[in-house]
Protein backbone atom coordinates (compact mmCIF):
# COMPACT_ATOMS: atom_id res chain seq x y z
CA MET A 1 -1.15 -0.69 -18.31
CA ASP A 2 -0.02 -4.10 -19.16
CA GLU A 3 -2.29 -5.76 -16.41
CA SER A 4 -5.44 -3.97 -18.16
CA LEU A 5 -4.58 -5.15 -21.68
CA GLN A 6 -4.02 -8.51 -20.27
CA GLU A 7 -7.34 -8.46 -18.49
CA ASP A 8 -9.10 -7.00 -21.53
CA TRP A 9 -7.86 -9.79 -23.59
CA LEU A 10 -8.47 -12.48 -21.34
CA GLU A 11 -12.05 -11.28 -21.02
CA THR A 12 -12.66 -11.20 -24.60
CA ARG A 13 -11.05 -14.86 -24.99
CA LEU A 14 -13.38 -15.81 -22.44
CA ARG A 15 -16.51 -14.23 -23.97
CA ASP A 16 -15.73 -15.42 -27.34
CA GLU A 17 -15.25 -19.23 -26.08
CA ALA A 18 -17.83 -19.69 -23.53
CA SER A 19 -21.26 -20.22 -25.00
CA TYR A 20 -24.17 -18.47 -22.91
CA ILE A 21 -26.52 -21.18 -21.13
CA ASP A 22 -29.93 -19.82 -20.78
CA ASP A 23 -31.04 -19.88 -17.22
CA ALA A 24 -34.67 -18.11 -17.71
CA GLY A 25 -33.38 -15.21 -15.75
CA PHE A 26 -32.19 -16.86 -13.00
CA THR A 27 -28.88 -15.00 -12.71
CA ALA A 28 -30.43 -11.57 -13.04
CA LEU A 29 -32.69 -12.57 -10.10
CA VAL A 30 -30.21 -13.62 -7.83
CA VAL A 31 -27.85 -10.32 -8.63
CA GLN A 32 -30.97 -8.25 -7.84
CA GLN A 33 -31.40 -9.80 -4.41
CA LEU A 34 -27.65 -8.99 -3.42
CA PRO A 35 -27.31 -6.66 -0.78
CA GLY A 36 -25.85 -3.18 -1.55
CA ARG A 37 -22.63 -1.94 -0.31
CA ARG A 38 -21.92 -0.24 2.73
CA ALA A 39 -20.37 3.08 2.29
CA THR A 40 -20.74 4.27 5.72
CA GLN A 41 -18.31 1.89 7.39
CA ASN A 42 -15.35 2.87 5.37
CA SER A 43 -15.82 6.66 6.10
CA PHE A 44 -16.05 5.82 9.96
CA ARG A 45 -12.83 3.53 9.69
CA GLY A 46 -11.14 6.24 8.04
CA PHE A 47 -11.99 8.75 10.59
CA PHE A 48 -11.11 6.33 13.59
CA LEU A 49 -7.54 5.72 12.13
CA LEU A 50 -6.95 9.37 11.70
CA ALA A 51 -8.38 10.05 15.12
CA ILE A 52 -5.93 7.30 16.54
CA THR A 53 -3.00 8.45 14.75
CA VAL A 54 -3.40 12.22 15.76
CA LEU A 55 -3.90 11.07 19.53
CA ALA A 56 -0.82 8.77 19.18
CA CYS A 57 1.28 11.85 18.01
CA VAL A 58 0.05 14.08 20.88
CA VAL A 59 0.70 11.65 23.45
CA THR A 60 4.40 10.72 21.96
CA TYR A 61 4.97 14.57 22.03
CA PHE A 62 4.29 15.00 25.54
CA VAL A 63 5.93 11.85 26.79
CA SER A 64 9.33 12.76 24.86
CA ASP A 65 9.67 15.82 26.86
CA GLY A 66 8.00 18.14 24.12
CA GLY A 67 10.20 16.89 21.39
CA HIS A 68 13.50 17.43 23.17
CA PHE A 69 15.08 14.36 21.61
CA LEU A 70 14.55 15.86 18.08
CA VAL A 71 16.53 18.89 18.93
CA SER A 72 19.23 16.52 20.32
CA ALA A 73 19.19 14.35 17.52
CA ILE A 74 19.76 17.30 15.06
CA GLN A 75 22.64 18.79 17.29
CA THR A 76 24.18 15.36 17.29
CA ALA A 77 23.74 15.02 13.52
CA ALA A 78 25.23 18.66 13.00
CA ALA A 79 28.40 17.81 14.96
CA MET A 80 29.17 14.45 12.97
CA PRO A 81 32.19 14.54 10.98
CA LEU A 82 31.33 14.73 7.08
CA TRP A 83 32.83 11.13 6.50
CA MET A 84 30.35 9.79 8.94
CA VAL A 85 27.36 11.62 7.39
CA SER A 86 28.51 10.19 4.03
CA THR A 87 28.67 6.65 5.44
CA ILE A 88 25.58 6.77 6.86
CA ALA A 89 23.97 8.20 3.81
CA LEU A 90 25.63 5.58 1.66
CA PHE A 91 24.48 2.72 3.87
CA CYS A 92 20.91 3.97 3.79
CA GLY A 93 21.10 4.26 -0.15
CA VAL A 94 22.47 0.54 -0.27
CA VAL A 95 19.79 -0.77 1.84
CA ALA A 96 17.08 0.99 -0.04
CA THR A 97 18.15 -0.30 -3.37
CA GLY A 98 18.69 -3.56 -1.94
CA ALA A 99 14.91 -3.52 -0.94
CA ALA A 100 13.81 -2.11 -4.12
CA GLY A 101 15.61 -4.54 -6.12
CA TYR A 102 14.22 -7.51 -4.05
CA ALA A 103 10.65 -6.10 -4.19
CA ALA A 104 11.10 -5.86 -8.13
CA PHE A 105 12.62 -9.25 -8.27
CA VAL A 106 9.68 -10.84 -6.35
CA ARG A 107 6.92 -8.90 -8.48
CA GLY A 108 8.80 -10.14 -11.46
CA ARG A 109 8.98 -13.69 -10.46
CA GLU A 110 5.04 -13.73 -9.69
CA GLU A 111 4.36 -12.34 -12.96
CA ILE A 112 6.55 -14.96 -14.73
CA LEU A 113 5.20 -17.99 -12.56
CA GLY A 114 1.72 -16.56 -12.66
């Protein structure tokens, strides 16, 4: 929300301060001759990425012996003592909080420095 307000303010400021130089329609002519957007490439790209992802999931499932490693991992996690599960959860929470804090710090620094 703040970015859109800043952009609106900046656009208004630039429009008010910049005087228009008459170019006898040259700018409009150039804009009309620009090629249009190609929308078909984006839809093909999305389909291709989805197909590759599904293919990778199927190959991984069969290579991993039908997902047997998932059953094994769940059984191992269920057999862990509560203190170990709590320690792992705390560690994951600290790492996630640290990553989010770092991302917020970097974004705030970029906004301040411009």
